[in-house]
Amino acid sequence: MKAKLIISGMSCGHCVKRVDNALKDLEGVTSAEVKVGEAIVEGSASIEAIKEAIDDAGYDVEKVEEI
């Protein structure tokens, strides 16, 4: 699975690092490319698990697009 996520609430490099760490710590994520406001994630983790990890980091997933 590869997906692009639009994430609200991110505004700086610290936000990027928090989301990046949350995704890379999630079992099943093999790759995560995070920028302010978006992330491209690859791996076997479910979309729900990815959204929950981002939510736990303090941000909201506004849109998910499988690519």
PDB file of N, CA and C in Angstrom:
ATOM      1  N   MET A   1       0.841  -1.172   0.000  1.00  0.00           N
ATOM      2  CA  MET A   1       0.000   0.000   0.000  1.00  0.00           C
ATOM      3  C   MET A   1       0.887   1.237   0.000  1.00  0.00           C
ATOM      4  N   LYS A   2       0.496   2.196  -0.795  1.00  0.00           N
ATOM      5  CA  LYS A   2       1.155   3.502  -0.800  1.00  0.00           C
ATOM      6  C   LYS A   2       0.044   4.545  -0.794  1.00  0.00           C
ATOM      7  N   ALA A   3       0.147   5.511   0.101  1.00  0.00           N
ATOM      8  CA  ALA A   3      -0.909   6.508   0.222  1.00  0.00           C
ATOM      9  C   ALA A   3      -0.330   7.884   0.496  1.00  0.00           C
ATOM     10  N   LYS A   4      -1.041   8.893  -0.019  1.00  0.00           N
ATOM     11  CA  LYS A   4      -0.718  10.290   0.269  1.00  0.00           C
ATOM     12  C   LYS A   4      -1.782  10.789   1.242  1.00  0.00           C
ATOM     13  N   LEU A   5      -1.325  11.389   2.333  1.00  0.00           N
ATOM     14  CA  LEU A   5      -2.238  11.902   3.348  1.00  0.00           C
ATOM     15  C   LEU A   5      -2.087  13.413   3.456  1.00  0.00           C
ATOM     16  N   ILE A   6      -3.204  14.100   3.487  1.00  0.00           N
ATOM     17  CA  ILE A   6      -3.217  15.539   3.737  1.00  0.00           C
ATOM     18  C   ILE A   6      -3.486  15.714   5.231  1.00  0.00           C
ATOM     19  N   ILE A   7      -2.579  16.436   5.901  1.00  0.00           N
ATOM     20  CA  ILE A   7      -2.610  16.536   7.360  1.00  0.00           C
ATOM     21  C   ILE A   7      -2.751  17.999   7.775  1.00  0.00           C
ATOM     22  N   SER A   8      -3.728  18.274   8.626  1.00  0.00           N
ATOM     23  CA  SER A   8      -3.907  19.648   9.114  1.00  0.00           C
ATOM     24  C   SER A   8      -3.245  19.811  10.474  1.00  0.00           C
ATOM     25  N   GLY A   9      -2.907  21.057  10.784  1.00  0.00           N
ATOM     26  CA  GLY A   9      -2.319  21.379  12.073  1.00  0.00           C
ATOM     27  C   GLY A   9      -0.803  21.431  12.075  1.00  0.00           C
ATOM     28  N   MET A  10      -0.177  21.071  10.952  1.00  0.00           N
ATOM     29  CA  MET A  10       1.288  21.099  10.863  1.00  0.00           C
ATOM     30  C   MET A  10       1.724  22.465  10.348  1.00  0.00           C
ATOM     31  N   SER A  11       2.756  23.048  10.990  1.00  0.00           N
ATOM     32  CA  SER A  11       3.182  24.375  10.549  1.00  0.00           C
ATOM     33  C   SER A  11       4.693  24.574  10.525  1.00  0.00           C
ATOM     34  N   CYS A  12       5.457  23.563  10.977  1.00  0.00           N
ATOM     35  CA  CYS A  12       6.903  23.783  11.077  1.00  0.00           C
ATOM     36  C   CYS A  12       7.670  22.463  11.022  1.00  0.00           C
ATOM     37  N   GLY A  13       8.974  22.571  11.084  1.00  0.00           N
ATOM     38  CA  GLY A  13       9.835  21.404  11.062  1.00  0.00           C
ATOM     39  C   GLY A  13       9.622  20.481  12.250  1.00  0.00           C
ATOM     40  N   HIS A  14       9.286  21.060  13.401  1.00  0.00           N
ATOM     41  CA  HIS A  14       9.005  20.240  14.583  1.00  0.00           C
ATOM     42  C   HIS A  14       7.784  19.352  14.334  1.00  0.00           C
ATOM     43  N   CYS A  15       6.770  19.912  13.692  1.00  0.00           N
ATOM     44  CA  CYS A  15       5.567  19.143  13.354  1.00  0.00           C
ATOM     45  C   CYS A  15       5.925  17.990  12.423  1.00  0.00           C
ATOM     46  N   VAL A  16       6.743  18.280  11.429  1.00  0.00           N
ATOM     47  CA  VAL A  16       7.178  17.254  10.480  1.00  0.00           C
ATOM     48  C   VAL A  16       7.881  16.124  11.225  1.00  0.00           C
ATOM     49  N   LYS A  17       8.761  16.464  12.136  1.00  0.00           N
ATOM     50  CA  LYS A  17       9.517  15.457  12.888  1.00  0.00           C
ATOM     51  C   LYS A  17       8.592  14.604  13.753  1.00  0.00           C
ATOM     52  N   ARG A  18       7.605  15.217  14.386  1.00  0.00           N
ATOM     53  CA  ARG A  18       6.662  14.455  15.226  1.00  0.00           C
ATOM     54  C   ARG A  18       5.881  13.448  14.403  1.00  0.00           C
ATOM     55  N   VAL A  19       5.383  13.878  13.247  1.00  0.00           N
ATOM     56  CA  VAL A  19       4.623  12.970  12.386  1.00  0.00           C
ATOM     57  C   VAL A  19       5.543  11.893  11.820  1.00  0.00           C
ATOM     58  N   ASP A  20       6.738  12.287  11.394  1.00  0.00           N
ATOM     59  CA  ASP A  20       7.708  11.336  10.854  1.00  0.00           C
ATOM     60  C   ASP A  20       8.026  10.251  11.891  1.00  0.00           C
ATOM     61  N   ASN A  21       8.293  10.646  13.115  1.00  0.00           N
ATOM     62  CA  ASN A  21       8.592   9.682  14.176  1.00  0.00           C
ATOM     63  C   ASN A  21       7.402   8.770  14.458  1.00  0.00           C
ATOM     64  N   ALA A  22       6.197   9.341  14.482  1.00  0.00           N
ATOM     65  CA  ALA A  22       4.999   8.541  14.745  1.00  0.00           C
ATOM     66  C   ALA A  22       4.804   7.482  13.664  1.00  0.00           C
ATOM     67  N   LEU A  23       5.038   7.862  12.416  1.00  0.00           N
ATOM     68  CA  LEU A  23       4.857   6.915  11.317  1.00  0.00           C
ATOM     69  C   LEU A  23       5.956   5.867  11.288  1.00  0.00           C
ATOM     70  N   LYS A  24       7.177   6.283  11.497  1.00  0.00           N
ATOM     71  CA  LYS A  24       8.287   5.329  11.439  1.00  0.00           C
ATOM     72  C   LYS A  24       8.270   4.358  12.616  1.00  0.00           C
ATOM     73  N   ASP A  25       7.636   4.732  13.726  1.00  0.00           N
ATOM     74  CA  ASP A  25       7.497   3.837  14.875  1.00  0.00           C
ATOM     75  C   ASP A  25       6.335   2.856  14.706  1.00  0.00           C
ATOM     76  N   LEU A  26       5.487   3.090  13.704  1.00  0.00           N
ATOM     77  CA  LEU A  26       4.302   2.265  13.501  1.00  0.00           C
ATOM     78  C   LEU A  26       4.667   0.975  12.769  1.00  0.00           C
ATOM     79  N   GLU A  27       4.286  -0.148  13.359  1.00  0.00           N
ATOM     80  CA  GLU A  27       4.561  -1.442  12.734  1.00  0.00           C
ATOM     81  C   GLU A  27       3.869  -1.521  11.374  1.00  0.00           C
ATOM     82  N   GLY A  28       4.605  -1.943  10.368  1.00  0.00           N
ATOM     83  CA  GLY A  28       4.051  -2.086   9.028  1.00  0.00           C
ATOM     84  C   GLY A  28       4.368  -0.931   8.104  1.00  0.00           C
ATOM     85  N   VAL A  29       4.893   0.165   8.630  1.00  0.00           N
ATOM     86  CA  VAL A  29       5.297   1.288   7.782  1.00  0.00           C
ATOM     87  C   VAL A  29       6.746   1.056   7.365  1.00  0.00           C
ATOM     88  N   THR A  30       6.960   0.947   6.053  1.00  0.00           N
ATOM     89  CA  THR A  30       8.314   0.715   5.545  1.00  0.00           C
ATOM     90  C   THR A  30       8.973   1.997   5.071  1.00  0.00           C
ATOM     91  N   SER A  31       8.157   3.009   4.738  1.00  0.00           N
ATOM     92  CA  SER A  31       8.692   4.282   4.259  1.00  0.00           C
ATOM     93  C   SER A  31       7.696   5.389   4.566  1.00  0.00           C
ATOM     94  N   ALA A  32       8.211   6.536   4.995  1.00  0.00           N
ATOM     95  CA  ALA A  32       7.364   7.701   5.250  1.00  0.00           C
ATOM     96  C   ALA A  32       8.131   8.947   4.832  1.00  0.00           C
ATOM     97  N   GLU A  33       7.555   9.696   3.898  1.00  0.00           N
ATOM     98  CA  GLU A  33       8.130  10.967   3.456  1.00  0.00           C
ATOM     99  C   GLU A  33       7.170  12.061   3.915  1.00  0.00           C
ATOM    100  N   VAL A  34       7.595  12.845   4.897  1.00  0.00           N
ATOM    101  CA  VAL A  34       6.708  13.816   5.531  1.00  0.00           C
ATOM    102  C   VAL A  34       7.166  15.230   5.213  1.00  0.00           C
ATOM    103  N   LYS A  35       6.203  16.070   4.815  1.00  0.00           N
ATOM    104  CA  LYS A  35       6.410  17.505   4.607  1.00  0.00           C
ATOM    105  C   LYS A  35       5.328  18.222   5.403  1.00  0.00           C
ATOM    106  N   VAL A  36       5.461  19.520   5.549  1.00  0.00           N
ATOM    107  CA  VAL A  36       4.419  20.280   6.237  1.00  0.00           C
ATOM    108  C   VAL A  36       3.105  20.100   5.475  1.00  0.00           C
ATOM    109  N   GLY A  37       2.114  19.527   6.149  1.00  0.00           N
ATOM    110  CA  GLY A  37       0.790  19.376   5.570  1.00  0.00           C
ATOM    111  C   GLY A  37       0.532  18.095   4.809  1.00  0.00           C
ATOM    112  N   GLU A  38       1.537  17.255   4.625  1.00  0.00           N
ATOM    113  CA  GLU A  38       1.288  16.013   3.895  1.00  0.00           C
ATOM    114  C   GLU A  38       2.325  14.945   4.216  1.00  0.00           C
ATOM    115  N   ALA A  39       1.955  13.712   3.912  1.00  0.00           N
ATOM    116  CA  ALA A  39       2.874  12.583   4.074  1.00  0.00           C
ATOM    117  C   ALA A  39       2.569  11.548   3.005  1.00  0.00           C
ATOM    118  N   ILE A  40       3.610  10.918   2.502  1.00  0.00           N
ATOM    119  CA  ILE A  40       3.464   9.773   1.613  1.00  0.00           C
ATOM    120  C   ILE A  40       4.001   8.579   2.386  1.00  0.00           C
ATOM    121  N   VAL A  41       3.139   7.590   2.560  1.00  0.00           N
ATOM    122  CA  VAL A  41       3.451   6.449   3.416  1.00  0.00           C
ATOM    123  C   VAL A  41       3.345   5.160   2.609  1.00  0.00           C
ATOM    124  N   GLU A  42       4.318   4.269   2.811  1.00  0.00           N
ATOM    125  CA  GLU A  42       4.301   2.959   2.168  1.00  0.00           C
ATOM    126  C   GLU A  42       4.416   1.883   3.227  1.00  0.00           C
ATOM    127  N   GLY A  43       3.787   0.747   2.959  1.00  0.00           N
ATOM    128  CA  GLY A  43       3.916  -0.398   3.846  1.00  0.00           C
ATOM    129  C   GLY A  43       2.629  -1.174   3.966  1.00  0.00           C
ATOM    130  N   SER A  44       2.597  -2.049   4.955  1.00  0.00           N
ATOM    131  CA  SER A  44       1.436  -2.920   5.152  1.00  0.00           C
ATOM    132  C   SER A  44       0.500  -2.431   6.260  1.00  0.00           C
ATOM    133  N   ALA A  45       0.843  -1.352   6.928  1.00  0.00           N
ATOM    134  CA  ALA A  45      -0.024  -0.808   7.983  1.00  0.00           C
ATOM    135  C   ALA A  45      -1.344  -0.339   7.376  1.00  0.00           C
ATOM    136  N   SER A  46      -2.427  -0.501   8.124  1.00  0.00           N
ATOM    137  CA  SER A  46      -3.730  -0.065   7.630  1.00  0.00           C
ATOM    138  C   SER A  46      -3.827   1.460   7.661  1.00  0.00           C
ATOM    139  N   ILE A  47      -4.701   1.981   6.821  1.00  0.00           N
ATOM    140  CA  ILE A  47      -4.945   3.431   6.801  1.00  0.00           C
ATOM    141  C   ILE A  47      -5.434   3.884   8.175  1.00  0.00           C
ATOM    142  N   GLU A  48      -6.294   3.084   8.804  1.00  0.00           N
ATOM    143  CA  GLU A  48      -6.809   3.448  10.129  1.00  0.00           C
ATOM    144  C   GLU A  48      -5.686   3.542  11.160  1.00  0.00           C
ATOM    145  N   ALA A  49      -4.737   2.607  11.110  1.00  0.00           N
ATOM    146  CA  ALA A  49      -3.611   2.642  12.054  1.00  0.00           C
ATOM    147  C   ALA A  49      -2.742   3.869  11.802  1.00  0.00           C
ATOM    148  N   ILE A  50      -2.546   4.200  10.535  1.00  0.00           N
ATOM    149  CA  ILE A  50      -1.753   5.379  10.174  1.00  0.00           C
ATOM    150  C   ILE A  50      -2.447   6.648  10.670  1.00  0.00           C
ATOM    151  N   LYS A  51      -3.752   6.744  10.430  1.00  0.00           N
ATOM    152  CA  LYS A  51      -4.503   7.916  10.881  1.00  0.00           C
ATOM    153  C   LYS A  51      -4.462   8.044  12.406  1.00  0.00           C
ATOM    154  N   GLU A  52      -4.561   6.914  13.096  1.00  0.00           N
ATOM    155  CA  GLU A  52      -4.517   6.932  14.564  1.00  0.00           C
ATOM    156  C   GLU A  52      -3.155   7.398  15.071  1.00  0.00           C
ATOM    157  N   ALA A  53      -2.077   6.947  14.435  1.00  0.00           N
ATOM    158  CA  ALA A  53      -0.729   7.365  14.845  1.00  0.00           C
ATOM    159  C   ALA A  53      -0.554   8.869  14.656  1.00  0.00           C
ATOM    160  N   ILE A  54      -1.062   9.393  13.551  1.00  0.00           N
ATOM    161  CA  ILE A  54      -0.966  10.833  13.289  1.00  0.00           C
ATOM    162  C   ILE A  54      -1.826  11.605  14.290  1.00  0.00           C
ATOM    163  N   ASP A  55      -3.013  11.096  14.580  1.00  0.00           N
ATOM    164  CA  ASP A  55      -3.894  11.718  15.566  1.00  0.00           C
ATOM    165  C   ASP A  55      -3.232  11.726  16.948  1.00  0.00           C
ATOM    166  N   ASP A  56      -2.615  10.616  17.317  1.00  0.00           N
ATOM    167  CA  ASP A  56      -1.924  10.537  18.608  1.00  0.00           C
ATOM    168  C   ASP A  56      -0.758  11.522  18.697  1.00  0.00           C
ATOM    169  N   ALA A  57      -0.176  11.871  17.538  1.00  0.00           N
ATOM    170  CA  ALA A  57       0.911  12.855  17.505  1.00  0.00           C
ATOM    171  C   ALA A  57       0.375  14.287  17.604  1.00  0.00           C
ATOM    172  N   GLY A  58      -0.959  14.443  17.505  1.00  0.00           N
ATOM    173  CA  GLY A  58      -1.573  15.758  17.679  1.00  0.00           C
ATOM    174  C   GLY A  58      -2.041  16.438  16.409  1.00  0.00           C
ATOM    175  N   TYR A  59      -2.186  15.672  15.327  1.00  0.00           N
ATOM    176  CA  TYR A  59      -2.570  16.261  14.038  1.00  0.00           C
ATOM    177  C   TYR A  59      -3.752  15.505  13.455  1.00  0.00           C
ATOM    178  N   ASP A  60      -4.426  16.117  12.482  1.00  0.00           N
ATOM    179  CA  ASP A  60      -5.616  15.520  11.880  1.00  0.00           C
ATOM    180  C   ASP A  60      -5.374  15.188  10.417  1.00  0.00           C
ATOM    181  N   VAL A  61      -5.784  13.989  10.024  1.00  0.00           N
ATOM    182  CA  VAL A  61      -5.720  13.595   8.616  1.00  0.00           C
ATOM    183  C   VAL A  61      -7.009  14.072   7.961  1.00  0.00           C
ATOM    184  N   GLU A  62      -6.874  14.951   6.984  1.00  0.00           N
ATOM    185  CA  GLU A  62      -8.031  15.515   6.296  1.00  0.00           C
ATOM    186  C   GLU A  62      -8.442  14.688   5.084  1.00  0.00           C
ATOM    187  N   LYS A  63      -7.456  14.054   4.429  1.00  0.00           N
ATOM    188  CA  LYS A  63      -7.741  13.329   3.192  1.00  0.00           C
ATOM    189  C   LYS A  63      -6.700  12.236   3.010  1.00  0.00           C
ATOM    190  N   VAL A  64      -7.138  11.086   2.478  1.00  0.00           N
ATOM    191  CA  VAL A  64      -6.241   9.979   2.160  1.00  0.00           C
ATOM    192  C   VAL A  64      -6.470   9.598   0.708  1.00  0.00           C
ATOM    193  N   GLU A  65      -5.380   9.489  -0.031  1.00  0.00           N
ATOM    194  CA  GLU A  65      -5.460   9.110  -1.444  1.00  0.00           C
ATOM    195  C   GLU A  65      -4.461   7.986  -1.689  1.00  0.00           C
ATOM    196  N   GLU A  66      -4.975   6.800  -2.038  1.00  0.00           N
ATOM    197  CA  GLU A  66      -4.059   5.699  -2.348  1.00  0.00           C
ATOM    198  C   GLU A  66      -3.420   5.971  -3.697  1.00  0.00           C
ATOM    199  N   ILE A  67      -2.092   5.783  -3.763  1.00  0.00           N
ATOM    200  CA  ILE A  67      -1.365   6.057  -5.008  1.00  0.00           C
ATOM    201  C   ILE A  67      -0.549   4.854  -5.432  1.00  0.00           C
TER     202      ILE A  67
END
